Amino acid sequence: MSQEYLVIVYDLPTADRSKVRAEHVKDIPANVPNPIRSAGAIYVDDARTKFAGSSFHLVANDRSEILEFLKKDIYYREGVWDIDNVVIHPIGNAVRLPKKMDGVDESNYKI
């Protein structure tokens, strides 16, 4: 049975995501709304000057499905994400506010 998960995957300490960030961002719209319900970078500091990793709300059947999804991303393939220490928790959202992203087709979106 599918459910929504909070997923946090940190960048490896020596990783430089800037080299492949454009490809990573380009691939996001194809995965909204399934499995991605929300996604974005997390930062080390409030000024958002240094990336810490990525966070997702993903719909999946189980944790192994989430890992397989993450392993398809350029950040994993290029050694940016610390996949061995990914944090995965099932969640139940009480509210979700919309935020638009260029290239995302919302015509078939159902929460």
PDB file of N, CA and C in Angstrom:
ATOM      1  N   MET A   1       0.843  -1.185   0.000  1.00  0.00           N
ATOM      2  CA  MET A   1       0.000   0.000   0.000  1.00  0.00           C
ATOM      3  C   MET A   1       0.889   1.250   0.000  1.00  0.00           C
ATOM      4  N   SER A   2       0.625   2.161  -0.899  1.00  0.00           N
ATOM      5  CA  SER A   2       1.415   3.388  -0.983  1.00  0.00           C
ATOM      6  C   SER A   2       1.117   4.305   0.184  1.00  0.00           C
ATOM      7  N   GLN A   3       2.157   4.996   0.625  1.00  0.00           N
ATOM      8  CA  GLN A   3       2.006   6.035   1.626  1.00  0.00           C
ATOM      9  C   GLN A   3       3.063   7.100   1.375  1.00  0.00           C
ATOM     10  N   GLU A   4       2.934   8.207   2.062  1.00  0.00           N
ATOM     11  CA  GLU A   4       3.885   9.295   1.869  1.00  0.00           C
ATOM     12  C   GLU A   4       4.984   9.221   2.921  1.00  0.00           C
ATOM     13  N   TYR A   5       6.202   9.524   2.470  1.00  0.00           N
ATOM     14  CA  TYR A   5       7.379   9.483   3.331  1.00  0.00           C
ATOM     15  C   TYR A   5       8.110  10.820   3.295  1.00  0.00           C
ATOM     16  N   LEU A   6       8.690  11.189   4.424  1.00  0.00           N
ATOM     17  CA  LEU A   6       9.651  12.281   4.497  1.00  0.00           C
ATOM     18  C   LEU A   6      11.019  11.647   4.291  1.00  0.00           C
ATOM     19  N   VAL A   7      11.767  12.174   3.322  1.00  0.00           N
ATOM     20  CA  VAL A   7      13.079  11.623   2.995  1.00  0.00           C
ATOM     21  C   VAL A   7      14.093  12.756   3.057  1.00  0.00           C
ATOM     22  N   ILE A   8      15.164  12.541   3.812  1.00  0.00           N
ATOM     23  CA  ILE A   8      16.269  13.489   3.879  1.00  0.00           C
ATOM     24  C   ILE A   8      17.534  12.743   3.494  1.00  0.00           C
ATOM     25  N   VAL A   9      18.205  13.268   2.485  1.00  0.00           N
ATOM     26  CA  VAL A   9      19.462  12.666   2.048  1.00  0.00           C
ATOM     27  C   VAL A   9      20.508  13.776   2.021  1.00  0.00           C
ATOM     28  N   TYR A  10      21.534  13.602   2.849  1.00  0.00           N
ATOM     29  CA  TYR A  10      22.576  14.617   2.974  1.00  0.00           C
ATOM     30  C   TYR A  10      23.613  14.466   1.868  1.00  0.00           C
ATOM     31  N   ASP A  11      24.249  15.581   1.521  1.00  0.00           N
ATOM     32  CA  ASP A  11      25.369  15.544   0.593  1.00  0.00           C
ATOM     33  C   ASP A  11      26.598  15.018   1.328  1.00  0.00           C
ATOM     34  N   LEU A  12      27.453  14.329   0.589  1.00  0.00           N
ATOM     35  CA  LEU A  12      28.738  13.916   1.147  1.00  0.00           C
ATOM     36  C   LEU A  12      29.577  15.168   1.403  1.00  0.00           C
ATOM     37  N   PRO A  13      30.422  15.165   2.432  1.00  0.00           N
ATOM     38  CA  PRO A  13      31.157  16.384   2.819  1.00  0.00           C
ATOM     39  C   PRO A  13      31.984  17.022   1.702  1.00  0.00           C
ATOM     40  N   THR A  14      32.514  16.239   0.798  1.00  0.00           N
ATOM     41  CA  THR A  14      33.372  16.796  -0.259  1.00  0.00           C
ATOM     42  C   THR A  14      32.637  16.974  -1.585  1.00  0.00           C
ATOM     43  N   ALA A  15      31.339  16.734  -1.597  1.00  0.00           N
ATOM     44  CA  ALA A  15      30.571  16.778  -2.852  1.00  0.00           C
ATOM     45  C   ALA A  15      30.360  18.200  -3.343  1.00  0.00           C
ATOM     46  N   ASP A  16      30.337  18.339  -4.680  1.00  0.00           N
ATOM     47  CA  ASP A  16      30.027  19.616  -5.321  1.00  0.00           C
ATOM     48  C   ASP A  16      28.856  19.391  -6.277  1.00  0.00           C
ATOM     49  N   ARG A  17      27.645  19.675  -5.807  1.00  0.00           N
ATOM     50  CA  ARG A  17      26.457  19.428  -6.611  1.00  0.00           C
ATOM     51  C   ARG A  17      26.312  20.409  -7.763  1.00  0.00           C
ATOM     52  N   SER A  18      27.037  21.512  -7.743  1.00  0.00           N
ATOM     53  CA  SER A  18      26.870  22.538  -8.773  1.00  0.00           C
ATOM     54  C   SER A  18      27.165  22.020 -10.177  1.00  0.00           C
ATOM     55  N   LYS A  19      28.040  21.041 -10.307  1.00  0.00           N
ATOM     56  CA  LYS A  19      28.420  20.515 -11.622  1.00  0.00           C
ATOM     57  C   LYS A  19      27.271  19.792 -12.322  1.00  0.00           C
ATOM     58  N   VAL A  20      26.350  19.214 -11.558  1.00  0.00           N
ATOM     59  CA  VAL A  20      25.260  18.429 -12.153  1.00  0.00           C
ATOM     60  C   VAL A  20      23.877  18.927 -11.721  1.00  0.00           C
ATOM     61  N   ARG A  21      23.834  20.075 -11.061  1.00  0.00           N
ATOM     62  CA  ARG A  21      22.560  20.591 -10.545  1.00  0.00           C
ATOM     63  C   ARG A  21      21.541  20.827 -11.655  1.00  0.00           C
ATOM     64  N   ALA A  22      21.961  21.362 -12.777  1.00  0.00           N
ATOM     65  CA  ALA A  22      21.019  21.645 -13.867  1.00  0.00           C
ATOM     66  C   ALA A  22      20.321  20.374 -14.334  1.00  0.00           C
ATOM     67  N   GLU A  23      21.051  19.277 -14.451  1.00  0.00           N
ATOM     68  CA  GLU A  23      20.431  18.006 -14.854  1.00  0.00           C
ATOM     69  C   GLU A  23      19.487  17.490 -13.777  1.00  0.00           C
ATOM     70  N   HIS A  24      19.882  17.620 -12.520  1.00  0.00           N
ATOM     71  CA  HIS A  24      19.025  17.205 -11.407  1.00  0.00           C
ATOM     72  C   HIS A  24      17.689  17.959 -11.456  1.00  0.00           C
ATOM     73  N   VAL A  25      17.729  19.276 -11.577  1.00  0.00           N
ATOM     74  CA  VAL A  25      16.519  20.095 -11.589  1.00  0.00           C
ATOM     75  C   VAL A  25      15.670  19.794 -12.827  1.00  0.00           C
ATOM     76  N   LYS A  26      16.306  19.569 -13.965  1.00  0.00           N
ATOM     77  CA  LYS A  26      15.599  19.267 -15.211  1.00  0.00           C
ATOM     78  C   LYS A  26      14.754  17.996 -15.082  1.00  0.00           C
ATOM     79  N   ASP A  27      15.207  17.025 -14.299  1.00  0.00           N
ATOM     80  CA  ASP A  27      14.512  15.744 -14.169  1.00  0.00           C
ATOM     81  C   ASP A  27      13.356  15.755 -13.171  1.00  0.00           C
ATOM     82  N   ILE A  28      13.237  16.795 -12.356  1.00  0.00           N
ATOM     83  CA  ILE A  28      12.200  16.821 -11.317  1.00  0.00           C
ATOM     84  C   ILE A  28      10.780  16.816 -11.891  1.00  0.00           C
ATOM     85  N   PRO A  29      10.428  17.686 -12.849  1.00  0.00           N
ATOM     86  CA  PRO A  29       9.025  17.750 -13.300  1.00  0.00           C
ATOM     87  C   PRO A  29       8.444  16.412 -13.765  1.00  0.00           C
ATOM     88  N   ALA A  30       9.239  15.547 -14.347  1.00  0.00           N
ATOM     89  CA  ALA A  30       8.737  14.257 -14.824  1.00  0.00           C
ATOM     90  C   ALA A  30       8.295  13.350 -13.680  1.00  0.00           C
ATOM     91  N   ASN A  31       8.719  13.649 -12.459  1.00  0.00           N
ATOM     92  CA  ASN A  31       8.401  12.814 -11.303  1.00  0.00           C
ATOM     93  C   ASN A  31       7.373  13.428 -10.360  1.00  0.00           C
ATOM     94  N   VAL A  32       6.727  14.508 -10.803  1.00  0.00           N
ATOM     95  CA  VAL A  32       5.678  15.150 -10.007  1.00  0.00           C
ATOM     96  C   VAL A  32       4.343  14.863 -10.671  1.00  0.00           C
ATOM     97  N   PRO A  33       3.342  14.361 -10.011  1.00  0.00           N
ATOM     98  CA  PRO A  33       3.241  14.180  -8.577  1.00  0.00           C
ATOM     99  C   PRO A  33       3.658  12.792  -8.091  1.00  0.00           C
ATOM    100  N   ASN A  34       4.063  11.919  -8.984  1.00  0.00           N
ATOM    101  CA  ASN A  34       4.410  10.565  -8.545  1.00  0.00           C
ATOM    102  C   ASN A  34       5.824  10.208  -8.943  1.00  0.00           C
ATOM    103  N   PRO A  35       6.695   9.959  -8.031  1.00  0.00           N
ATOM    104  CA  PRO A  35       6.456   9.839  -6.587  1.00  0.00           C
ATOM    105  C   PRO A  35       6.640  11.128  -5.792  1.00  0.00           C
ATOM    106  N   ILE A  36       7.106  12.219  -6.417  1.00  0.00           N
ATOM    107  CA  ILE A  36       7.423  13.436  -5.663  1.00  0.00           C
ATOM    108  C   ILE A  36       6.169  14.259  -5.388  1.00  0.00           C
ATOM    109  N   ARG A  37       5.909  14.506  -4.114  1.00  0.00           N
ATOM    110  CA  ARG A  37       4.845  15.428  -3.718  1.00  0.00           C
ATOM    111  C   ARG A  37       5.426  16.786  -3.348  1.00  0.00           C
ATOM    112  N   SER A  38       6.636  16.804  -2.827  1.00  0.00           N
ATOM    113  CA  SER A  38       7.382  18.045  -2.625  1.00  0.00           C
ATOM    114  C   SER A  38       8.851  17.678  -2.539  1.00  0.00           C
ATOM    115  N   ALA A  39       9.703  18.638  -2.889  1.00  0.00           N
ATOM    116  CA  ALA A  39      11.141  18.383  -2.870  1.00  0.00           C
ATOM    117  C   ALA A  39      11.885  19.696  -2.848  1.00  0.00           C
ATOM    118  N   GLY A  40      13.088  19.679  -2.312  1.00  0.00           N
ATOM    119  CA  GLY A  40      13.910  20.880  -2.317  1.00  0.00           C
ATOM    120  C   GLY A  40      15.215  20.660  -1.588  1.00  0.00           C
ATOM    121  N   ALA A  41      16.073  21.634  -1.744  1.00  0.00           N
ATOM    122  CA  ALA A  41      17.379  21.592  -1.087  1.00  0.00           C
ATOM    123  C   ALA A  41      17.229  21.917   0.390  1.00  0.00           C
ATOM    124  N   ILE A  42      18.160  21.403   1.181  1.00  0.00           N
ATOM    125  CA  ILE A  42      18.325  21.840   2.563  1.00  0.00           C
ATOM    126  C   ILE A  42      19.716  22.459   2.662  1.00  0.00           C
ATOM    127  N   TYR A  43      19.853  23.413   3.560  1.00  0.00           N
ATOM    128  CA  TYR A  43      21.073  24.209   3.652  1.00  0.00           C
ATOM    129  C   TYR A  43      21.697  24.097   5.033  1.00  0.00           C
ATOM    130  N   VAL A  44      22.968  24.414   5.091  1.00  0.00           N
ATOM    131  CA  VAL A  44      23.715  24.400   6.342  1.00  0.00           C
ATOM    132  C   VAL A  44      23.365  25.629   7.184  1.00  0.00           C
ATOM    133  N   ASP A  45      23.111  26.762   6.519  1.00  0.00           N
ATOM    134  CA  ASP A  45      22.930  28.022   7.222  1.00  0.00           C
ATOM    135  C   ASP A  45      21.666  28.752   6.762  1.00  0.00           C
ATOM    136  N   ASP A  46      21.214  29.679   7.588  1.00  0.00           N
ATOM    137  CA  ASP A  46      20.008  30.442   7.279  1.00  0.00           C
ATOM    138  C   ASP A  46      20.150  31.309   6.032  1.00  0.00           C
ATOM    139  N   ALA A  47      21.350  31.724   5.711  1.00  0.00           N
ATOM    140  CA  ALA A  47      21.586  32.545   4.529  1.00  0.00           C
ATOM    141  C   ALA A  47      21.582  31.714   3.245  1.00  0.00           C
ATOM    142  N   ARG A  48      21.511  30.397   3.376  1.00  0.00           N
ATOM    143  CA  ARG A  48      21.459  29.454   2.260  1.00  0.00           C
ATOM    144  C   ARG A  48      22.671  29.605   1.334  1.00  0.00           C
ATOM    145  N   THR A  49      23.847  29.637   1.958  1.00  0.00           N
ATOM    146  CA  THR A  49      25.084  29.772   1.182  1.00  0.00           C
ATOM    147  C   THR A  49      25.755  28.426   0.909  1.00  0.00           C
ATOM    148  N   LYS A  50      25.366  27.373   1.649  1.00  0.00           N
ATOM    149  CA  LYS A  50      25.990  26.061   1.460  1.00  0.00           C
ATOM    150  C   LYS A  50      24.929  24.967   1.563  1.00  0.00           C
ATOM    151  N   PHE A  51      24.882  24.101   0.549  1.00  0.00           N
ATOM    152  CA  PHE A  51      23.928  22.993   0.555  1.00  0.00           C
ATOM    153  C   PHE A  51      24.303  21.960   1.611  1.00  0.00           C
ATOM    154  N   ALA A  52      23.274  21.417   2.267  1.00  0.00           N
ATOM    155  CA  ALA A  52      23.466  20.307   3.202  1.00  0.00           C
ATOM    156  C   ALA A  52      22.971  19.005   2.584  1.00  0.00           C
ATOM    157  N   GLY A  53      21.993  19.089   1.695  1.00  0.00           N
ATOM    158  CA  GLY A  53      21.417  17.900   1.092  1.00  0.00           C
ATOM    159  C   GLY A  53      20.088  18.225   0.450  1.00  0.00           C
ATOM    160  N   SER A  54      19.220  17.209   0.411  1.00  0.00           N
ATOM    161  CA  SER A  54      17.911  17.348  -0.228  1.00  0.00           C
ATOM    162  C   SER A  54      16.836  16.737   0.651  1.00  0.00           C
ATOM    163  N   SER A  55      15.624  17.274   0.533  1.00  0.00           N
ATOM    164  CA  SER A  55      14.490  16.693   1.251  1.00  0.00           C
ATOM    165  C   SER A  55      13.362  16.441   0.262  1.00  0.00           C
ATOM    166  N   PHE A  56      12.596  15.424   0.558  1.00  0.00           N
ATOM    167  CA  PHE A  56      11.481  15.024  -0.303  1.00  0.00           C
ATOM    168  C   PHE A  56      10.292  14.613   0.546  1.00  0.00           C
ATOM    169  N   HIS A  57       9.108  14.771   0.000  1.00  0.00           N
ATOM    170  CA  HIS A  57       7.933  14.020   0.405  1.00  0.00           C
ATOM    171  C   HIS A  57       7.658  13.130  -0.799  1.00  0.00           C
ATOM    172  N   LEU A  58       7.790  11.832  -0.610  1.00  0.00           N
ATOM    173  CA  LEU A  58       7.632  10.869  -1.700  1.00  0.00           C
ATOM    174  C   LEU A  58       6.522   9.891  -1.381  1.00  0.00           C
ATOM    175  N   VAL A  59       5.776   9.482  -2.411  1.00  0.00           N
ATOM    176  CA  VAL A  59       4.796   8.421  -2.273  1.00  0.00           C
ATOM    177  C   VAL A  59       5.446   7.136  -2.758  1.00  0.00           C
ATOM    178  N   ALA A  60       5.392   6.111  -1.919  1.00  0.00           N
ATOM    179  CA  ALA A  60       6.027   4.834  -2.262  1.00  0.00           C
ATOM    180  C   ALA A  60       5.348   3.709  -1.488  1.00  0.00           C
ATOM    181  N   ASN A  61       5.635   2.497  -1.927  1.00  0.00           N
ATOM    182  CA  ASN A  61       5.119   1.322  -1.231  1.00  0.00           C
ATOM    183  C   ASN A  61       5.972   0.943  -0.025  1.00  0.00           C
ATOM    184  N   ASP A  62       7.272   1.239  -0.101  1.00  0.00           N
ATOM    185  CA  ASP A  62       8.174   0.886   0.997  1.00  0.00           C
ATOM    186  C   ASP A  62       9.513   1.602   0.821  1.00  0.00           C
ATOM    187  N   ARG A  63      10.395   1.423   1.796  1.00  0.00           N
ATOM    188  CA  ARG A  63      11.691   2.091   1.786  1.00  0.00           C
ATOM    189  C   ARG A  63      12.567   1.672   0.608  1.00  0.00           C
ATOM    190  N   SER A  64      12.495   0.415   0.223  1.00  0.00           N
ATOM    191  CA  SER A  64      13.334  -0.043  -0.891  1.00  0.00           C
ATOM    192  C   SER A  64      12.943   0.668  -2.192  1.00  0.00           C
ATOM    193  N   GLU A  65      11.680   0.947  -2.377  1.00  0.00           N
ATOM    194  CA  GLU A  65      11.227   1.683  -3.553  1.00  0.00           C
ATOM    195  C   GLU A  65      11.788   3.107  -3.542  1.00  0.00           C
ATOM    196  N   ILE A  66      11.872   3.711  -2.381  1.00  0.00           N
ATOM    197  CA  ILE A  66      12.448   5.048  -2.248  1.00  0.00           C
ATOM    198  C   ILE A  66      13.932   5.021  -2.614  1.00  0.00           C
ATOM    199  N   LEU A  67      14.651   4.052  -2.112  1.00  0.00           N
ATOM    200  CA  LEU A  67      16.083   3.948  -2.426  1.00  0.00           C
ATOM    201  C   LEU A  67      16.310   3.765  -3.924  1.00  0.00           C
ATOM    202  N   GLU A  68      15.486   2.964  -4.559  1.00  0.00           N
ATOM    203  CA  GLU A  68      15.618   2.765  -6.007  1.00  0.00           C
ATOM    204  C   GLU A  68      15.361   4.074  -6.755  1.00  0.00           C
ATOM    205  N   PHE A  69      14.379   4.842  -6.310  1.00  0.00           N
ATOM    206  CA  PHE A  69      14.104   6.143  -6.922  1.00  0.00           C
ATOM    207  C   PHE A  69      15.304   7.073  -6.763  1.00  0.00           C
ATOM    208  N   LEU A  70      15.852   7.159  -5.565  1.00  0.00           N
ATOM    209  CA  LEU A  70      16.990   8.043  -5.313  1.00  0.00           C
ATOM    210  C   LEU A  70      18.210   7.641  -6.141  1.00  0.00           C
ATOM    211  N   LYS A  71      18.410   6.360  -6.338  1.00  0.00           N
ATOM    212  CA  LYS A  71      19.581   5.877  -7.074  1.00  0.00           C
ATOM    213  C   LYS A  71      19.512   6.203  -8.565  1.00  0.00           C
ATOM    214  N   LYS A  72      18.356   6.602  -9.062  1.00  0.00           N
ATOM    215  CA  LYS A  72      18.228   7.015 -10.459  1.00  0.00           C
ATOM    216  C   LYS A  72      18.652   8.468 -10.662  1.00  0.00           C
ATOM    217  N   ASP A  73      18.778   9.222  -9.585  1.00  0.00           N
ATOM    218  CA  ASP A  73      19.080  10.654  -9.671  1.00  0.00           C
ATOM    219  C   ASP A  73      20.563  10.886  -9.941  1.00  0.00           C
ATOM    220  N   ILE A  74      20.857  11.944 -10.689  1.00  0.00           N
ATOM    221  CA  ILE A  74      22.238  12.318 -11.016  1.00  0.00           C
ATOM    222  C   ILE A  74      23.051  12.603  -9.753  1.00  0.00           C
ATOM    223  N   TYR A  75      22.427  13.108  -8.704  1.00  0.00           N
ATOM    224  CA  TYR A  75      23.163  13.369  -7.467  1.00  0.00           C
ATOM    225  C   TYR A  75      23.688  12.075  -6.850  1.00  0.00           C
ATOM    226  N   TYR A  76      22.935  11.023  -6.956  1.00  0.00           N
ATOM    227  CA  TYR A  76      23.434   9.730  -6.480  1.00  0.00           C
ATOM    228  C   TYR A  76      24.518   9.197  -7.415  1.00  0.00           C
ATOM    229  N   ARG A  77      24.220   9.207  -8.714  1.00  0.00           N
ATOM    230  CA  ARG A  77      25.143   8.625  -9.696  1.00  0.00           C
ATOM    231  C   ARG A  77      26.492   9.341  -9.728  1.00  0.00           C
ATOM    232  N   GLU A  78      26.496  10.632  -9.406  1.00  0.00           N
ATOM    233  CA  GLU A  78      27.742  11.406  -9.425  1.00  0.00           C
ATOM    234  C   GLU A  78      28.382  11.538  -8.041  1.00  0.00           C
ATOM    235  N   GLY A  79      27.865  10.811  -7.048  1.00  0.00           N
ATOM    236  CA  GLY A  79      28.497  10.801  -5.726  1.00  0.00           C
ATOM    237  C   GLY A  79      28.258  12.037  -4.881  1.00  0.00           C
ATOM    238  N   VAL A  80      27.128  12.701  -5.086  1.00  0.00           N
ATOM    239  CA  VAL A  80      26.794  13.869  -4.275  1.00  0.00           C
ATOM    240  C   VAL A  80      26.096  13.437  -2.988  1.00  0.00           C
ATOM    241  N   TRP A  81      25.111  12.557  -3.095  1.00  0.00           N
ATOM    242  CA  TRP A  81      24.316  12.155  -1.935  1.00  0.00           C
ATOM    243  C   TRP A  81      24.964  11.040  -1.136  1.00  0.00           C
ATOM    244  N   ASP A  82      24.810  11.116   0.177  1.00  0.00           N
ATOM    245  CA  ASP A  82      25.247  10.068   1.110  1.00  0.00           C
ATOM    246  C   ASP A  82      24.074   9.099   1.300  1.00  0.00           C
ATOM    247  N   ILE A  83      23.886   8.257   0.308  1.00  0.00           N
ATOM    248  CA  ILE A  83      22.724   7.350   0.292  1.00  0.00           C
ATOM    249  C   ILE A  83      22.755   6.331   1.435  1.00  0.00           C
ATOM    250  N   ASP A  84      23.935   6.057   1.964  1.00  0.00           N
ATOM    251  CA  ASP A  84      24.043   5.083   3.059  1.00  0.00           C
ATOM    252  C   ASP A  84      23.445   5.601   4.358  1.00  0.00           C
ATOM    253  N   ASN A  85      23.236   6.905   4.446  1.00  0.00           N
ATOM    254  CA  ASN A  85      22.691   7.492   5.670  1.00  0.00           C
ATOM    255  C   ASN A  85      21.394   8.256   5.436  1.00  0.00           C
ATOM    256  N   VAL A  86      20.646   7.863   4.408  1.00  0.00           N
ATOM    257  CA  VAL A  86      19.381   8.516   4.116  1.00  0.00           C
ATOM    258  C   VAL A  86      18.411   8.309   5.280  1.00  0.00           C
ATOM    259  N   VAL A  87      17.619   9.345   5.563  1.00  0.00           N
ATOM    260  CA  VAL A  87      16.609   9.301   6.627  1.00  0.00           C
ATOM    261  C   VAL A  87      15.253   9.167   5.949  1.00  0.00           C
ATOM    262  N   ILE A  88      14.474   8.141   6.339  1.00  0.00           N
ATOM    263  CA  ILE A  88      13.166   7.877   5.732  1.00  0.00           C
ATOM    264  C   ILE A  88      12.150   7.633   6.842  1.00  0.00           C
ATOM    265  N   HIS A  89      11.087   8.456   6.862  1.00  0.00           N
ATOM    266  CA  HIS A  89      10.016   8.292   7.852  1.00  0.00           C
ATOM    267  C   HIS A  89       8.662   8.390   7.169  1.00  0.00           C
ATOM    268  N   PRO A  90       7.718   7.495   7.485  1.00  0.00           N
ATOM    269  CA  PRO A  90       6.353   7.671   7.000  1.00  0.00           C
ATOM    270  C   PRO A  90       5.743   8.907   7.664  1.00  0.00           C
ATOM    271  N   ILE A  91       4.931   9.655   6.898  1.00  0.00           N
ATOM    272  CA  ILE A  91       4.321  10.866   7.450  1.00  0.00           C
ATOM    273  C   ILE A  91       2.834  10.916   7.116  1.00  0.00           C
ATOM    274  N   GLY A  92       2.145  11.756   7.827  1.00  0.00           N
ATOM    275  CA  GLY A  92       0.745  12.061   7.544  1.00  0.00           C
ATOM    276  C   GLY A  92       0.589  13.570   7.513  1.00  0.00           C
ATOM    277  N   ASN A  93       0.426  14.139   6.345  1.00  0.00           N
ATOM    278  CA  ASN A  93       0.307  15.592   6.220  1.00  0.00           C
ATOM    279  C   ASN A  93      -1.054  16.074   6.691  1.00  0.00           C
ATOM    280  N   ALA A  94      -1.042  17.158   7.438  1.00  0.00           N
ATOM    281  CA  ALA A  94      -2.279  17.798   7.859  1.00  0.00           C
ATOM    282  C   ALA A  94      -2.663  18.915   6.897  1.00  0.00           C
ATOM    283  N   VAL A  95      -1.673  19.502   6.241  1.00  0.00           N
ATOM    284  CA  VAL A  95      -1.928  20.588   5.292  1.00  0.00           C
ATOM    285  C   VAL A  95      -0.791  20.618   4.277  1.00  0.00           C
ATOM    286  N   ARG A  96      -1.117  21.063   3.070  1.00  0.00           N
ATOM    287  CA  ARG A  96      -0.108  21.232   2.019  1.00  0.00           C
ATOM    288  C   ARG A  96      -0.508  22.452   1.204  1.00  0.00           C
ATOM    289  N   LEU A  97       0.384  23.409   1.128  1.00  0.00           N
ATOM    290  CA  LEU A  97       0.134  24.604   0.343  1.00  0.00           C
ATOM    291  C   LEU A  97       0.860  24.480  -0.990  1.00  0.00           C
ATOM    292  N   PRO A  98       0.255  24.970  -2.059  1.00  0.00           N
ATOM    293  CA  PRO A  98       0.879  24.812  -3.374  1.00  0.00           C
ATOM    294  C   PRO A  98       2.041  25.766  -3.598  1.00  0.00           C
ATOM    295  N   LYS A  99       3.023  25.289  -4.333  1.00  0.00           N
ATOM    296  CA  LYS A  99       4.102  26.119  -4.852  1.00  0.00           C
ATOM    297  C   LYS A  99       4.374  25.611  -6.254  1.00  0.00           C
ATOM    298  N   LYS A 100       4.354  26.502  -7.214  1.00  0.00           N
ATOM    299  CA  LYS A 100       4.482  26.122  -8.625  1.00  0.00           C
ATOM    300  C   LYS A 100       5.949  25.986  -9.020  1.00  0.00           C
ATOM    301  N   MET A 101       6.224  25.036  -9.926  1.00  0.00           N
ATOM    302  CA  MET A 101       7.551  24.870 -10.509  1.00  0.00           C
ATOM    303  C   MET A 101       7.389  24.833 -12.014  1.00  0.00           C
ATOM    304  N   ASP A 102       8.196  25.585 -12.720  1.00  0.00           N
ATOM    305  CA  ASP A 102       8.149  25.567 -14.178  1.00  0.00           C
ATOM    306  C   ASP A 102       8.319  24.146 -14.694  1.00  0.00           C
ATOM    307  N   GLY A 103       7.502  23.779 -15.663  1.00  0.00           N
ATOM    308  CA  GLY A 103       7.616  22.467 -16.288  1.00  0.00           C
ATOM    309  C   GLY A 103       6.779  21.382 -15.647  1.00  0.00           C
ATOM    310  N   VAL A 104       6.107  21.673 -14.543  1.00  0.00           N
ATOM    311  CA  VAL A 104       5.279  20.675 -13.867  1.00  0.00           C
ATOM    312  C   VAL A 104       3.847  20.796 -14.363  1.00  0.00           C
ATOM    313  N   ASP A 105       3.315  19.711 -14.899  1.00  0.00           N
ATOM    314  CA  ASP A 105       1.936  19.667 -15.376  1.00  0.00           C
ATOM    315  C   ASP A 105       1.045  19.212 -14.227  1.00  0.00           C
ATOM    316  N   GLU A 106       0.198  20.086 -13.759  1.00  0.00           N
ATOM    317  CA  GLU A 106      -0.653  19.781 -12.608  1.00  0.00           C
ATOM    318  C   GLU A 106      -2.042  19.304 -13.015  1.00  0.00           C
ATOM    319  N   SER A 107      -2.285  19.104 -14.295  1.00  0.00           N
ATOM    320  CA  SER A 107      -3.628  18.762 -14.752  1.00  0.00           C
ATOM    321  C   SER A 107      -4.110  17.422 -14.216  1.00  0.00           C
ATOM    322  N   ASN A 108      -3.220  16.487 -13.933  1.00  0.00           N
ATOM    323  CA  ASN A 108      -3.635  15.176 -13.421  1.00  0.00           C
ATOM    324  C   ASN A 108      -3.217  14.979 -11.967  1.00  0.00           C
ATOM    325  N   TYR A 109      -2.953  16.051 -11.269  1.00  0.00           N
ATOM    326  CA  TYR A 109      -2.481  15.966  -9.897  1.00  0.00           C
ATOM    327  C   TYR A 109      -3.623  15.707  -8.930  1.00  0.00           C
ATOM    328  N   LYS A 110      -3.477  14.662  -8.147  1.00  0.00           N
ATOM    329  CA  LYS A 110      -4.462  14.342  -7.113  1.00  0.00           C
ATOM    330  C   LYS A 110      -3.710  14.047  -5.832  1.00  0.00           C
ATOM    331  N   ILE A 111      -4.128  14.659  -4.749  1.00  0.00           N
ATOM    332  CA  ILE A 111      -3.487  14.411  -3.456  1.00  0.00           C
ATOM    333  C   ILE A 111      -4.142  13.224  -2.783  1.00  0.00           C
TER     334      ILE A 111
END
